[in-house]
């Protein structure tokens, strides 16, 4: 599918998809005419990236998560460790914001 269809299917703007390609989070095949050609798996990755970013994961963390996602030999504990680290960060932020509200 072309970038327009991938954008519609993933809910991401075309500009964001191009940006993800530029920084190496996604690699699209090229059709004979040179246009980007996205697969269903690419759309799944784009949705994953959208969700991860909306949850506050950085681009570097998303890169790590995608690496774990594509590594079929990885241990489930690896993914859990990344998620647990993010939860600890969120808990710290909640504490800081709560303290600001009280003061």
C-alpha atoms as a PDB file:
ATOM      1  CA  UNK A   1       0.000   0.000   0.000  1.00  0.00           C
ATOM      2  CA  UNK A   2       1.159   3.566  -0.585  1.00  0.00           C
ATOM      3  CA  UNK A   3       1.958   6.079   2.138  1.00  0.00           C
ATOM      4  CA  UNK A   4      -1.523   7.588   2.026  1.00  0.00           C
ATOM      5  CA  UNK A   5      -3.152   4.231   2.647  1.00  0.00           C
ATOM      6  CA  UNK A   6      -0.615   3.406   5.380  1.00  0.00           C
ATOM      7  CA  UNK A   7      -1.299   6.761   7.022  1.00  0.00           C
ATOM      8  CA  UNK A   8      -5.029   6.140   6.956  1.00  0.00           C
ATOM      9  CA  UNK A   9      -4.665   2.577   8.254  1.00  0.00           C
ATOM     10  CA  UNK A  10      -2.285   3.563  11.049  1.00  0.00           C
ATOM     11  CA  UNK A  11      -3.843   6.875  12.041  1.00  0.00           C
ATOM     12  CA  UNK A  12      -0.515   8.669  11.636  1.00  0.00           C
ATOM     13  CA  UNK A  13       0.194  11.617   9.349  1.00  0.00           C
ATOM     14  CA  UNK A  14       2.324  10.928   6.287  1.00  0.00           C
ATOM     15  CA  UNK A  15       4.907  13.386   7.610  1.00  0.00           C
ATOM     16  CA  UNK A  16       5.313  11.307  10.792  1.00  0.00           C
ATOM     17  CA  UNK A  17       5.702   8.109   8.782  1.00  0.00           C
ATOM     18  CA  UNK A  18       8.421   9.723   6.659  1.00  0.00           C
ATOM     19  CA  UNK A  19      10.103  10.953   9.836  1.00  0.00           C
ATOM     20  CA  UNK A  20      10.069   7.454  11.329  1.00  0.00           C
ATOM     21  CA  UNK A  21      11.732   6.208   8.144  1.00  0.00           C
ATOM     22  CA  UNK A  22      14.367   8.936   8.260  1.00  0.00           C
ATOM     23  CA  UNK A  23      15.398   7.970  11.794  1.00  0.00           C
ATOM     24  CA  UNK A  24      15.340   4.253  11.033  1.00  0.00           C
ATOM     25  CA  UNK A  25      12.262   3.119  12.967  1.00  0.00           C
ATOM     26  CA  UNK A  26      10.667   1.806   9.793  1.00  0.00           C
ATOM     27  CA  UNK A  27      11.865   0.788   6.347  1.00  0.00           C
ATOM     28  CA  UNK A  28       9.394   0.640   3.497  1.00  0.00           C
ATOM     29  CA  UNK A  29       9.955  -1.294   0.333  1.00  0.00           C
ATOM     30  CA  UNK A  30       9.901   0.643  -2.913  1.00  0.00           C
ATOM     31  CA  UNK A  31       7.531  -0.117  -5.751  1.00  0.00           C
ATOM     32  CA  UNK A  32       8.725  -0.163  -9.360  1.00  0.00           C
ATOM     33  CA  UNK A  33       7.722   3.496  -9.680  1.00  0.00           C
ATOM     34  CA  UNK A  34       9.907   4.420  -6.678  1.00  0.00           C
ATOM     35  CA  UNK A  35       6.998   5.086  -4.334  1.00  0.00           C
ATOM     36  CA  UNK A  36       7.012   3.696  -0.829  1.00  0.00           C
ATOM     37  CA  UNK A  37       5.215   0.374  -0.526  1.00  0.00           C
ATOM     38  CA  UNK A  38       3.985  -0.571   2.954  1.00  0.00           C
ATOM     39  CA  UNK A  39       2.911  -3.991   4.144  1.00  0.00           C
ATOM     40  CA  UNK A  40       0.322  -4.927   6.738  1.00  0.00           C
ATOM     41  CA  UNK A  41       3.238  -5.632   9.116  1.00  0.00           C
ATOM     42  CA  UNK A  42       4.485  -2.061   8.549  1.00  0.00           C
ATOM     43  CA  UNK A  43       1.059  -0.744   9.536  1.00  0.00           C
ATOM     44  CA  UNK A  44       1.175  -2.854  12.717  1.00  0.00           C
ATOM     45  CA  UNK A  45       4.560  -1.327  13.522  1.00  0.00           C
ATOM     46  CA  UNK A  46       3.215   2.154  12.873  1.00  0.00           C
ATOM     47  CA  UNK A  47       0.284   1.545  15.207  1.00  0.00           C
ATOM     48  CA  UNK A  48       2.689   0.177  17.805  1.00  0.00           C
ATOM     49  CA  UNK A  49       4.847   3.291  17.470  1.00  0.00           C
ATOM     50  CA  UNK A  50       1.820   5.562  17.728  1.00  0.00           C
ATOM     51  CA  UNK A  51       0.643   3.842  20.898  1.00  0.00           C
ATOM     52  CA  UNK A  52       4.114   3.763  22.436  1.00  0.00           C
ATOM     53  CA  UNK A  53       4.709   7.441  21.737  1.00  0.00           C
ATOM     54  CA  UNK A  54       1.279   8.362  23.129  1.00  0.00           C
ATOM     55  CA  UNK A  55       2.200   6.509  26.328  1.00  0.00           C
ATOM     56  CA  UNK A  56       5.328   8.625  26.689  1.00  0.00           C
ATOM     57  CA  UNK A  57       7.996   6.305  25.349  1.00  0.00           C
ATOM     58  CA  UNK A  58      10.877   8.193  23.747  1.00  0.00           C
ATOM     59  CA  UNK A  59      12.072   7.482  20.230  1.00  0.00           C
ATOM     60  CA  UNK A  60      15.072   5.609  21.693  1.00  0.00           C
ATOM     61  CA  UNK A  61      12.760   3.519  23.875  1.00  0.00           C
ATOM     62  CA  UNK A  62      10.525   2.812  20.871  1.00  0.00           C
ATOM     63  CA  UNK A  63      13.591   1.684  18.930  1.00  0.00           C
ATOM     64  CA  UNK A  64      14.437  -0.695  21.778  1.00  0.00           C
ATOM     65  CA  UNK A  65      10.861  -1.981  21.974  1.00  0.00           C
ATOM     66  CA  UNK A  66      10.732  -2.559  18.214  1.00  0.00           C
ATOM     67  CA  UNK A  67      14.015  -4.417  18.412  1.00  0.00           C
ATOM     68  CA  UNK A  68      12.572  -6.656  21.103  1.00  0.00           C
ATOM     69  CA  UNK A  69       9.345  -7.027  19.109  1.00  0.00           C
ATOM     70  CA  UNK A  70      11.165  -8.309  16.045  1.00  0.00           C
ATOM     71  CA  UNK A  71      13.554 -10.578  17.992  1.00  0.00           C
ATOM     72  CA  UNK A  72      11.694 -13.878  18.239  1.00  0.00           C
ATOM     73  CA  UNK A  73      14.444 -15.325  20.480  1.00  0.00           C
ATOM     74  CA  UNK A  74      14.143 -12.634  23.162  1.00  0.00           C
ATOM     75  CA  UNK A  75      12.934 -13.369  26.647  1.00  0.00           C
ATOM     76  CA  UNK A  76       9.588 -11.994  27.758  1.00  0.00           C
ATOM     77  CA  UNK A  77      11.382 -10.537  30.762  1.00  0.00           C
ATOM     78  CA  UNK A  78      13.224  -8.143  28.423  1.00  0.00           C
ATOM     79  CA  UNK A  79       9.983  -6.460  27.390  1.00  0.00           C
ATOM     80  CA  UNK A  80       8.743  -6.446  30.965  1.00  0.00           C
ATOM     81  CA  UNK A  81      11.961  -4.746  32.115  1.00  0.00           C
ATOM     82  CA  UNK A  82      11.493  -1.890  29.633  1.00  0.00           C
ATOM     83  CA  UNK A  83       7.840  -1.477  30.625  1.00  0.00           C
ATOM     84  CA  UNK A  84       8.681  -1.593  34.339  1.00  0.00           C
ATOM     85  CA  UNK A  85      11.321   1.090  33.892  1.00  0.00           C
ATOM     86  CA  UNK A  86       8.766   3.325  32.151  1.00  0.00           C
ATOM     87  CA  UNK A  87       6.209   2.710  34.916  1.00  0.00           C
ATOM     88  CA  UNK A  88       8.765   3.742  37.536  1.00  0.00           C
ATOM     89  CA  UNK A  89       9.402   6.936  35.572  1.00  0.00           C
ATOM     90  CA  UNK A  90       5.664   7.654  35.382  1.00  0.00           C
ATOM     91  CA  UNK A  91       5.302   7.043  39.126  1.00  0.00           C
ATOM     92  CA  UNK A  92       8.121   9.533  39.798  1.00  0.00           C
ATOM     93  CA  UNK A  93       6.407  12.138  37.629  1.00  0.00           C
ATOM     94  CA  UNK A  94       3.071  11.590  39.393  1.00  0.00           C
ATOM     95  CA  UNK A  95       4.766  12.095  42.745  1.00  0.00           C
ATOM     96  CA  UNK A  96       6.469  15.288  41.573  1.00  0.00           C
ATOM     97  CA  UNK A  97       3.250  16.696  40.114  1.00  0.00           C
ATOM     98  CA  UNK A  98       1.297  15.827  43.236  1.00  0.00           C
ATOM     99  CA  UNK A  99       3.887  17.626  45.356  1.00  0.00           C
ATOM    100  CA  UNK A 100       3.612  20.697  43.115  1.00  0.00           C
ATOM    101  CA  UNK A 101      -0.148  20.723  43.516  1.00  0.00           C
ATOM    102  CA  UNK A 102       0.069  20.499  47.300  1.00  0.00           C
ATOM    103  CA  UNK A 103       2.676  23.250  47.579  1.00  0.00           C
END
